[in-house]
Amino acid sequence: MTLKVDRPELSYAEITELALSMPVREKLHLAEELKRQGIKAAWDLIFRSLKPGQVSEEEILKVSKQVRKKLNTRRNSAATTRRH
């Protein structure tokens, strides 16, 4: 969706005011879309910074195992905390 206005740019305050005046369902939809776009932008930045062959597959596997282990530890500690 493209916003058609006579002015070429809106200020941050104007955009915020418009967003806050939206119905709750539309605010939630906007928040999800912004989140998706933020994640996409982060991945685009990561992919642009890497050059093919710059990181070996072995290194990728090693780091991904470390990250999975860390996430599982967090998940398990959070689950244990909720049970008590």
C-alpha atoms as a PDB file:
ATOM      1  CA  MET A   1       0.000   0.000   0.000  1.00  0.00           C
ATOM      2  CA  THR A   2       1.330   3.428  -0.900  1.00  0.00           C
ATOM      3  CA  LEU A   3       0.291   6.565   0.904  1.00  0.00           C
ATOM      4  CA  LYS A   4      -0.622   9.269  -1.592  1.00  0.00           C
ATOM      5  CA  VAL A   5      -0.163  12.756  -0.215  1.00  0.00           C
ATOM      6  CA  ASP A   6       0.424  16.176  -1.716  1.00  0.00           C
ATOM      7  CA  ARG A   7       3.568  16.571   0.372  1.00  0.00           C
ATOM      8  CA  PRO A   8       6.622  14.491  -0.537  1.00  0.00           C
ATOM      9  CA  GLU A   9       7.526  13.667   3.086  1.00  0.00           C
ATOM     10  CA  LEU A  10       5.807  13.253   6.438  1.00  0.00           C
ATOM     11  CA  SER A  11       7.571  13.919   9.717  1.00  0.00           C
ATOM     12  CA  TYR A  12       8.156  11.194  12.273  1.00  0.00           C
ATOM     13  CA  ALA A  13       5.652  12.904  14.590  1.00  0.00           C
ATOM     14  CA  GLU A  14       2.999  12.924  11.847  1.00  0.00           C
ATOM     15  CA  ILE A  15       3.554   9.258  11.063  1.00  0.00           C
ATOM     16  CA  THR A  16       3.369   8.377  14.761  1.00  0.00           C
ATOM     17  CA  GLU A  17       0.165  10.374  15.171  1.00  0.00           C
ATOM     18  CA  LEU A  18      -1.397   8.591  12.180  1.00  0.00           C
ATOM     19  CA  ALA A  19      -0.359   5.175  13.488  1.00  0.00           C
ATOM     20  CA  LEU A  20      -1.700   5.860  16.967  1.00  0.00           C
ATOM     21  CA  SER A  21      -5.038   6.992  15.541  1.00  0.00           C
ATOM     22  CA  MET A  22      -5.541   3.671  13.725  1.00  0.00           C
ATOM     23  CA  PRO A  23      -7.950   1.013  15.019  1.00  0.00           C
ATOM     24  CA  VAL A  24      -6.307  -1.677  17.172  1.00  0.00           C
ATOM     25  CA  ARG A  25      -6.560  -4.402  14.502  1.00  0.00           C
ATOM     26  CA  GLU A  26      -4.774  -2.174  11.966  1.00  0.00           C
ATOM     27  CA  LYS A  27      -2.115  -1.238  14.556  1.00  0.00           C
ATOM     28  CA  LEU A  28      -1.403  -4.923  15.135  1.00  0.00           C
ATOM     29  CA  HIS A  29      -1.180  -5.540  11.395  1.00  0.00           C
ATOM     30  CA  LEU A  30       1.183  -2.564  11.019  1.00  0.00           C
ATOM     31  CA  ALA A  31       3.340  -3.783  13.914  1.00  0.00           C
ATOM     32  CA  GLU A  32       3.670  -7.242  12.338  1.00  0.00           C
ATOM     33  CA  GLU A  33       4.573  -5.761   8.958  1.00  0.00           C
ATOM     34  CA  LEU A  34       7.194  -3.472  10.517  1.00  0.00           C
ATOM     35  CA  LYS A  35       8.628  -6.420  12.412  1.00  0.00           C
ATOM     36  CA  ARG A  36       8.854  -8.470   9.194  1.00  0.00           C
ATOM     37  CA  GLN A  37      10.501  -5.598   7.354  1.00  0.00           C
ATOM     38  CA  GLY A  38      12.973  -5.091  10.212  1.00  0.00           C
ATOM     39  CA  ILE A  39      13.957  -8.756  10.168  1.00  0.00           C
ATOM     40  CA  LYS A  40      14.289  -8.691   6.383  1.00  0.00           C
ATOM     41  CA  ALA A  41      16.484  -5.575   6.551  1.00  0.00           C
ATOM     42  CA  ALA A  42      18.722  -7.212   9.164  1.00  0.00           C
ATOM     43  CA  TRP A  43      19.166 -10.340   7.026  1.00  0.00           C
ATOM     44  CA  ASP A  44      19.806  -8.242   3.920  1.00  0.00           C
ATOM     45  CA  LEU A  45      22.550  -6.426   5.795  1.00  0.00           C
ATOM     46  CA  ILE A  46      24.089  -9.713   6.931  1.00  0.00           C
ATOM     47  CA  PHE A  47      23.980 -11.203   3.438  1.00  0.00           C
ATOM     48  CA  ARG A  48      25.491  -8.084   1.862  1.00  0.00           C
ATOM     49  CA  SER A  49      28.373  -8.149   4.348  1.00  0.00           C
ATOM     50  CA  LEU A  50      29.274 -11.762   3.555  1.00  0.00           C
ATOM     51  CA  LYS A  51      31.035 -12.761   0.398  1.00  0.00           C
ATOM     52  CA  PRO A  52      30.591 -16.261  -1.033  1.00  0.00           C
ATOM     53  CA  GLY A  53      33.196 -18.628   0.361  1.00  0.00           C
ATOM     54  CA  GLN A  54      34.212 -16.168   3.069  1.00  0.00           C
ATOM     55  CA  VAL A  55      33.028 -18.451   5.889  1.00  0.00           C
ATOM     56  CA  SER A  56      33.610 -22.189   5.709  1.00  0.00           C
ATOM     57  CA  GLU A  57      30.739 -24.596   6.147  1.00  0.00           C
ATOM     58  CA  GLU A  58      32.574 -26.102   9.110  1.00  0.00           C
ATOM     59  CA  GLU A  59      32.614 -22.715  10.851  1.00  0.00           C
ATOM     60  CA  ILE A  60      28.916 -22.173  10.084  1.00  0.00           C
ATOM     61  CA  LEU A  61      28.031 -25.569  11.592  1.00  0.00           C
ATOM     62  CA  LYS A  62      30.192 -24.937  14.649  1.00  0.00           C
ATOM     63  CA  VAL A  63      28.599 -21.555  15.371  1.00  0.00           C
ATOM     64  CA  SER A  64      25.054 -22.791  14.682  1.00  0.00           C
ATOM     65  CA  LYS A  65      25.551 -25.662  17.169  1.00  0.00           C
ATOM     66  CA  GLN A  66      26.751 -23.174  19.789  1.00  0.00           C
ATOM     67  CA  VAL A  67      23.765 -20.912  19.186  1.00  0.00           C
ATOM     68  CA  ARG A  68      21.291 -23.819  19.318  1.00  0.00           C
ATOM     69  CA  LYS A  69      22.839 -25.009  22.582  1.00  0.00           C
ATOM     70  CA  LYS A  70      22.559 -21.521  24.079  1.00  0.00           C
ATOM     71  CA  LEU A  71      18.927 -21.150  22.942  1.00  0.00           C
ATOM     72  CA  ASN A  72      17.994 -24.585  24.288  1.00  0.00           C
ATOM     73  CA  THR A  73      19.609 -23.744  27.627  1.00  0.00           C
ATOM     74  CA  ARG A  74      17.590 -20.523  27.807  1.00  0.00           C
ATOM     75  CA  ARG A  75      14.399 -22.323  26.790  1.00  0.00           C
ATOM     76  CA  ASN A  76      14.901 -25.060  29.367  1.00  0.00           C
ATOM     77  CA  SER A  77      15.715 -22.623  32.172  1.00  0.00           C
ATOM     78  CA  ALA A  78      12.644 -20.552  31.303  1.00  0.00           C
ATOM     79  CA  ALA A  79      10.461 -23.675  31.299  1.00  0.00           C
ATOM     80  CA  THR A  80      11.877 -24.738  34.678  1.00  0.00           C
ATOM     81  CA  THR A  81      11.230 -21.291  36.123  1.00  0.00           C
ATOM     82  CA  ARG A  82       7.592 -21.347  34.954  1.00  0.00           C
ATOM     83  CA  ARG A  83       6.954 -24.751  36.570  1.00  0.00           C
ATOM     84  CA  HIS A  84       7.822 -23.503  40.070  1.00  0.00           C
END
